[in-house]
Amino acid sequence: IRGVPILRSEALPVVERPTDYVSGGLPQYLIDHVDLLPGYTLFLGAGNSNFRHPRVIEVEFDLFRDTDVVADAHAFPFRSNSFELVIAMNVFEHLRQPFDAAREVLRVLAPGGEVLIHTAFLQPLHEAPAHFFNATEFGVREWFRDFSDVACHVAQNLNPLYGLSWIAHDL
């Protein structure tokens, strides 16, 4: 569709998202990090971010403005050891089987590669009906139990007060 390969086995039709929709971008420190890497980065769930890079492959379940490949995170259409960095911003809470997706991330990650994910913890229901999980640190560590050197922390822009204010707003 529009020159983008559709490489998922899911029987659902591919949704073409509006091109004027803008989702969250990447923090500057992460953009700088991507610039320093000589290899490729997999940006899972990039949506319509304002970030483009020649060595970043944007993978989505649906078709957004800059999507490079439409695929399912539970079964990537990439060779093993293909990416130096995998980024997933606010994706894992929307995956039916986050354990399987984490194993796929590990499979496509090059030895010594890095993974950076943001995922929901104290967030109310969003993106219904595809918001399946809010993960504690223990849940994230369990999803990524086959990885080494797993570090978990609360992002500066998503501290617990942010989550509580979102919940209060929705109430």
C-alpha atoms as a PDB file:
ATOM      1  CA  ILE A   1       0.000   0.000   0.000  1.00  0.00           C
ATOM      2  CA  ARG A   2       1.534   3.339  -1.083  1.00  0.00           C
ATOM      3  CA  GLY A   3       4.793   1.445  -1.641  1.00  0.00           C
ATOM      4  CA  VAL A   4       4.931   0.156   1.951  1.00  0.00           C
ATOM      5  CA  PRO A   5       5.287  -3.625   2.342  1.00  0.00           C
ATOM      6  CA  ILE A   6       2.503  -5.223   4.376  1.00  0.00           C
ATOM      7  CA  LEU A   7       4.240  -8.120   6.125  1.00  0.00           C
ATOM      8  CA  ARG A   8       1.842  -9.295   8.788  1.00  0.00           C
ATOM      9  CA  SER A   9      -0.272 -12.413   8.869  1.00  0.00           C
ATOM     10  CA  GLU A  10      -3.114 -10.840  10.854  1.00  0.00           C
ATOM     11  CA  ALA A  11      -6.390 -11.113   8.915  1.00  0.00           C
ATOM     12  CA  LEU A  12      -7.536  -7.629   9.962  1.00  0.00           C
ATOM     13  CA  PRO A  13      -7.437  -4.985   7.240  1.00  0.00           C
ATOM     14  CA  VAL A  14      -4.608  -2.454   7.362  1.00  0.00           C
ATOM     15  CA  VAL A  15      -5.841   0.896   8.632  1.00  0.00           C
ATOM     16  CA  GLU A  16      -4.405   3.966   6.921  1.00  0.00           C
ATOM     17  CA  ARG A  17      -3.980   6.622   9.607  1.00  0.00           C
ATOM     18  CA  PRO A  18      -4.376  10.343   8.798  1.00  0.00           C
ATOM     19  CA  THR A  19      -1.135  11.896   7.583  1.00  0.00           C
ATOM     20  CA  ASP A  20      -1.689  15.090   9.592  1.00  0.00           C
ATOM     21  CA  TYR A  21      -1.838  13.223  12.925  1.00  0.00           C
ATOM     22  CA  VAL A  22       1.358  13.725  14.941  1.00  0.00           C
ATOM     23  CA  SER A  23       2.303  11.306  17.693  1.00  0.00           C
ATOM     24  CA  GLY A  24       5.024  11.699  20.279  1.00  0.00           C
ATOM     25  CA  GLY A  25       8.520  12.246  19.033  1.00  0.00           C
ATOM     26  CA  LEU A  26      11.761  10.957  20.418  1.00  0.00           C
ATOM     27  CA  PRO A  27      13.709  12.797  23.094  1.00  0.00           C
ATOM     28  CA  GLN A  28      16.804  14.564  21.787  1.00  0.00           C
ATOM     29  CA  TYR A  29      19.208  12.350  23.763  1.00  0.00           C
ATOM     30  CA  LEU A  30      17.823   9.321  21.934  1.00  0.00           C
ATOM     31  CA  ILE A  31      18.056  10.989  18.517  1.00  0.00           C
ATOM     32  CA  ASP A  32      21.686  11.845  19.323  1.00  0.00           C
ATOM     33  CA  HIS A  33      22.288   8.227  20.336  1.00  0.00           C
ATOM     34  CA  VAL A  34      20.815   6.910  17.073  1.00  0.00           C
ATOM     35  CA  ASP A  35      23.105   9.294  15.143  1.00  0.00           C
ATOM     36  CA  LEU A  36      26.172   7.752  16.814  1.00  0.00           C
ATOM     37  CA  LEU A  37      25.264   4.170  15.922  1.00  0.00           C
ATOM     38  CA  PRO A  38      26.693   2.850  12.647  1.00  0.00           C
ATOM     39  CA  GLY A  39      23.988   0.185  12.234  1.00  0.00           C
ATOM     40  CA  TYR A  40      20.228   0.115  11.969  1.00  0.00           C
ATOM     41  CA  THR A  41      17.553   0.945  14.529  1.00  0.00           C
ATOM     42  CA  LEU A  42      14.110  -0.634  14.641  1.00  0.00           C
ATOM     43  CA  PHE A  43      11.521   1.931  15.753  1.00  0.00           C
ATOM     44  CA  LEU A  44       8.490  -0.141  16.717  1.00  0.00           C
ATOM     45  CA  GLY A  45       5.233   1.777  16.947  1.00  0.00           C
ATOM     46  CA  ALA A  46       6.683   4.978  15.510  1.00  0.00           C
ATOM     47  CA  GLY A  47       3.249   6.234  14.499  1.00  0.00           C
ATOM     48  CA  ASN A  48       3.475   9.692  12.976  1.00  0.00           C
ATOM     49  CA  SER A  49       6.482  10.847  14.938  1.00  0.00           C
ATOM     50  CA  ASN A  50       8.329  13.911  13.720  1.00  0.00           C
ATOM     51  CA  PHE A  51      11.551  11.892  13.603  1.00  0.00           C
ATOM     52  CA  ARG A  52      13.079  10.422  10.420  1.00  0.00           C
ATOM     53  CA  HIS A  53      16.540   8.944  10.013  1.00  0.00           C
ATOM     54  CA  PRO A  54      18.131   7.017   7.124  1.00  0.00           C
ATOM     55  CA  ARG A  55      19.163   4.106   9.391  1.00  0.00           C
ATOM     56  CA  VAL A  56      15.868   3.839  11.285  1.00  0.00           C
ATOM     57  CA  ILE A  57      13.221   1.373  10.121  1.00  0.00           C
ATOM     58  CA  GLU A  58       9.758   2.431  11.315  1.00  0.00           C
ATOM     59  CA  VAL A  59       7.482  -0.561  11.897  1.00  0.00           C
ATOM     60  CA  GLU A  60       3.772  -0.225  12.632  1.00  0.00           C
ATOM     61  CA  PHE A  61       0.761  -2.511  12.764  1.00  0.00           C
ATOM     62  CA  ASP A  62      -1.164   0.041  10.685  1.00  0.00           C
ATOM     63  CA  LEU A  63      -0.042   2.490   8.022  1.00  0.00           C
ATOM     64  CA  PHE A  64       1.082   5.919   9.195  1.00  0.00           C
ATOM     65  CA  ARG A  65       2.665   8.734   7.204  1.00  0.00           C
ATOM     66  CA  ASP A  66       6.279   7.529   7.500  1.00  0.00           C
ATOM     67  CA  THR A  67       5.782   3.809   8.116  1.00  0.00           C
ATOM     68  CA  ASP A  68       8.498   1.762   6.393  1.00  0.00           C
ATOM     69  CA  VAL A  69       7.025  -1.692   7.071  1.00  0.00           C
ATOM     70  CA  VAL A  70       3.630  -2.837   8.329  1.00  0.00           C
ATOM     71  CA  ALA A  71       4.264  -5.868  10.526  1.00  0.00           C
ATOM     72  CA  ASP A  72       3.285  -7.571  13.749  1.00  0.00           C
ATOM     73  CA  ALA A  73       5.628  -7.175  16.728  1.00  0.00           C
ATOM     74  CA  HIS A  74       4.988 -10.809  17.621  1.00  0.00           C
ATOM     75  CA  ALA A  75       6.591 -12.008  14.342  1.00  0.00           C
ATOM     76  CA  PHE A  76       9.032  -9.553  12.758  1.00  0.00           C
ATOM     77  CA  PRO A  77       9.867 -10.032   9.070  1.00  0.00           C
ATOM     78  CA  PHE A  78      13.569  -9.351   9.699  1.00  0.00           C
ATOM     79  CA  ARG A  79      16.656 -11.525   9.930  1.00  0.00           C
ATOM     80  CA  SER A  80      18.050 -12.305  13.341  1.00  0.00           C
ATOM     81  CA  ASN A  81      20.741  -9.951  14.683  1.00  0.00           C
ATOM     82  CA  SER A  82      19.694  -7.121  12.318  1.00  0.00           C
ATOM     83  CA  PHE A  83      19.403  -4.107  14.627  1.00  0.00           C
ATOM     84  CA  GLU A  84      21.772  -2.336  17.007  1.00  0.00           C
ATOM     85  CA  LEU A  85      18.923  -0.569  18.758  1.00  0.00           C
ATOM     86  CA  VAL A  86      15.227  -1.297  19.171  1.00  0.00           C
ATOM     87  CA  ILE A  87      12.927   1.494  20.328  1.00  0.00           C
ATOM     88  CA  ALA A  88       9.294   0.937  21.351  1.00  0.00           C
ATOM     89  CA  MET A  89       7.538   4.001  22.681  1.00  0.00           C
ATOM     90  CA  ASN A  90       4.189   3.223  24.344  1.00  0.00           C
ATOM     91  CA  VAL A  91       3.723  -0.043  22.452  1.00  0.00           C
ATOM     92  CA  PHE A  92       4.057  -3.004  24.801  1.00  0.00           C
ATOM     93  CA  GLU A  93       0.869  -2.241  26.742  1.00  0.00           C
ATOM     94  CA  HIS A  94      -0.997  -2.653  23.429  1.00  0.00           C
ATOM     95  CA  LEU A  95       0.454  -6.050  22.508  1.00  0.00           C
ATOM     96  CA  ARG A  96      -1.634  -9.160  23.151  1.00  0.00           C
ATOM     97  CA  GLN A  97       1.477 -11.234  23.918  1.00  0.00           C
ATOM     98  CA  PRO A  98       4.258  -8.951  25.184  1.00  0.00           C
ATOM     99  CA  PHE A  99       6.392 -11.985  26.154  1.00  0.00           C
ATOM    100  CA  ASP A 100       6.400 -13.140  22.522  1.00  0.00           C
ATOM    101  CA  ALA A 101       7.167  -9.640  21.267  1.00  0.00           C
ATOM    102  CA  ALA A 102      10.084  -9.357  23.712  1.00  0.00           C
ATOM    103  CA  ARG A 103      11.478 -12.645  22.364  1.00  0.00           C
ATOM    104  CA  GLU A 104      11.171 -11.263  18.818  1.00  0.00           C
ATOM    105  CA  VAL A 105      13.023  -8.116  19.874  1.00  0.00           C
ATOM    106  CA  LEU A 106      15.775 -10.293  21.314  1.00  0.00           C
ATOM    107  CA  ARG A 107      15.920 -12.323  18.087  1.00  0.00           C
ATOM    108  CA  VAL A 108      16.362  -9.298  15.787  1.00  0.00           C
ATOM    109  CA  LEU A 109      18.733  -7.493  18.171  1.00  0.00           C
ATOM    110  CA  ALA A 110      22.415  -7.734  17.287  1.00  0.00           C
ATOM    111  CA  PRO A 111      24.764  -9.028  20.000  1.00  0.00           C
ATOM    112  CA  GLY A 112      25.555  -6.140  22.320  1.00  0.00           C
ATOM    113  CA  GLY A 113      22.533  -4.202  21.027  1.00  0.00           C
ATOM    114  CA  GLU A 114      20.258  -2.053  23.132  1.00  0.00           C
ATOM    115  CA  VAL A 115      16.515  -1.827  23.710  1.00  0.00           C
ATOM    116  CA  LEU A 116      14.638   1.219  24.938  1.00  0.00           C
ATOM    117  CA  ILE A 117      10.960   0.918  25.693  1.00  0.00           C
ATOM    118  CA  HIS A 118       8.407   3.156  27.338  1.00  0.00           C
ATOM    119  CA  THR A 119       5.284   1.393  28.542  1.00  0.00           C
ATOM    120  CA  ALA A 120       2.226   2.171  30.627  1.00  0.00           C
ATOM    121  CA  PHE A 121       2.220   1.823  34.381  1.00  0.00           C
ATOM    122  CA  LEU A 122      -0.195   4.282  36.009  1.00  0.00           C
ATOM    123  CA  GLN A 123      -2.331   5.057  32.992  1.00  0.00           C
ATOM    124  CA  PRO A 124      -6.073   4.747  32.566  1.00  0.00           C
ATOM    125  CA  LEU A 125      -7.537   2.788  29.699  1.00  0.00           C
ATOM    126  CA  HIS A 126      -6.508   4.278  26.365  1.00  0.00           C
ATOM    127  CA  GLU A 127      -6.594   3.124  22.732  1.00  0.00           C
ATOM    128  CA  ALA A 128      -9.523   0.798  23.504  1.00  0.00           C
ATOM    129  CA  PRO A 129      -9.965  -2.039  22.804  1.00  0.00           C
ATOM    130  CA  ALA A 130      -6.213  -2.617  22.423  1.00  0.00           C
ATOM    131  CA  HIS A 131      -4.864  -1.571  25.824  1.00  0.00           C
ATOM    132  CA  PHE A 132      -4.073  -4.901  27.456  1.00  0.00           C
ATOM    133  CA  PHE A 133      -1.465  -4.181  30.142  1.00  0.00           C
ATOM    134  CA  ASN A 134      -0.170  -1.662  32.625  1.00  0.00           C
ATOM    135  CA  ALA A 135       3.181  -3.041  33.737  1.00  0.00           C
ATOM    136  CA  THR A 136       4.983  -2.718  37.013  1.00  0.00           C
ATOM    137  CA  GLU A 137       8.783  -2.877  37.099  1.00  0.00           C
ATOM    138  CA  PHE A 138       8.406  -6.575  37.926  1.00  0.00           C
ATOM    139  CA  GLY A 139       6.188  -7.087  34.878  1.00  0.00           C
ATOM    140  CA  VAL A 140       8.658  -5.363  32.548  1.00  0.00           C
ATOM    141  CA  ARG A 141      11.506  -7.419  33.984  1.00  0.00           C
ATOM    142  CA  GLU A 142       9.453 -10.566  33.393  1.00  0.00           C
ATOM    143  CA  TRP A 143       8.672  -9.620  29.770  1.00  0.00           C
ATOM    144  CA  PHE A 144      12.405  -9.096  29.179  1.00  0.00           C
ATOM    145  CA  ARG A 145      13.692 -11.915  31.395  1.00  0.00           C
ATOM    146  CA  ASP A 146      15.887 -13.337  28.610  1.00  0.00           C
ATOM    147  CA  PHE A 147      17.811 -10.053  28.290  1.00  0.00           C
ATOM    148  CA  SER A 148      20.853  -9.029  30.298  1.00  0.00           C
ATOM    149  CA  ASP A 149      21.357  -5.720  32.096  1.00  0.00           C
ATOM    150  CA  VAL A 150      17.689  -4.703  32.291  1.00  0.00           C
ATOM    151  CA  ALA A 151      17.337  -1.268  33.879  1.00  0.00           C
ATOM    152  CA  CYS A 152      13.925   0.149  34.764  1.00  0.00           C
ATOM    153  CA  HIS A 153      13.125   3.701  35.737  1.00  0.00           C
ATOM    154  CA  VAL A 154      10.363   6.246  35.458  1.00  0.00           C
ATOM    155  CA  ALA A 155      10.818   8.630  32.536  1.00  0.00           C
ATOM    156  CA  GLN A 156      11.053  12.298  33.464  1.00  0.00           C
ATOM    157  CA  ASN A 157       7.951  13.183  31.487  1.00  0.00           C
ATOM    158  CA  LEU A 158       5.881  10.276  32.861  1.00  0.00           C
ATOM    159  CA  ASN A 159       6.329  10.472  36.602  1.00  0.00           C
ATOM    160  CA  PRO A 160       3.633   9.003  38.888  1.00  0.00           C
ATOM    161  CA  LEU A 161       1.959  12.408  39.325  1.00  0.00           C
ATOM    162  CA  TYR A 162       1.387  12.526  35.569  1.00  0.00           C
ATOM    163  CA  GLY A 163      -0.359   9.152  35.677  1.00  0.00           C
ATOM    164  CA  LEU A 164      -2.469  10.131  38.689  1.00  0.00           C
ATOM    165  CA  SER A 165      -3.487  13.434  37.073  1.00  0.00           C
ATOM    166  CA  TRP A 166      -4.495  11.568  33.893  1.00  0.00           C
ATOM    167  CA  ILE A 167      -6.612   9.150  35.936  1.00  0.00           C
ATOM    168  CA  ALA A 168      -8.201  12.039  37.888  1.00  0.00           C
ATOM    169  CA  HIS A 169      -8.927  13.859  34.617  1.00  0.00           C
ATOM    170  CA  ASP A 170     -10.667  10.802  33.156  1.00  0.00           C
ATOM    171  CA  LEU A 171     -12.733  10.349  36.322  1.00  0.00           C
END
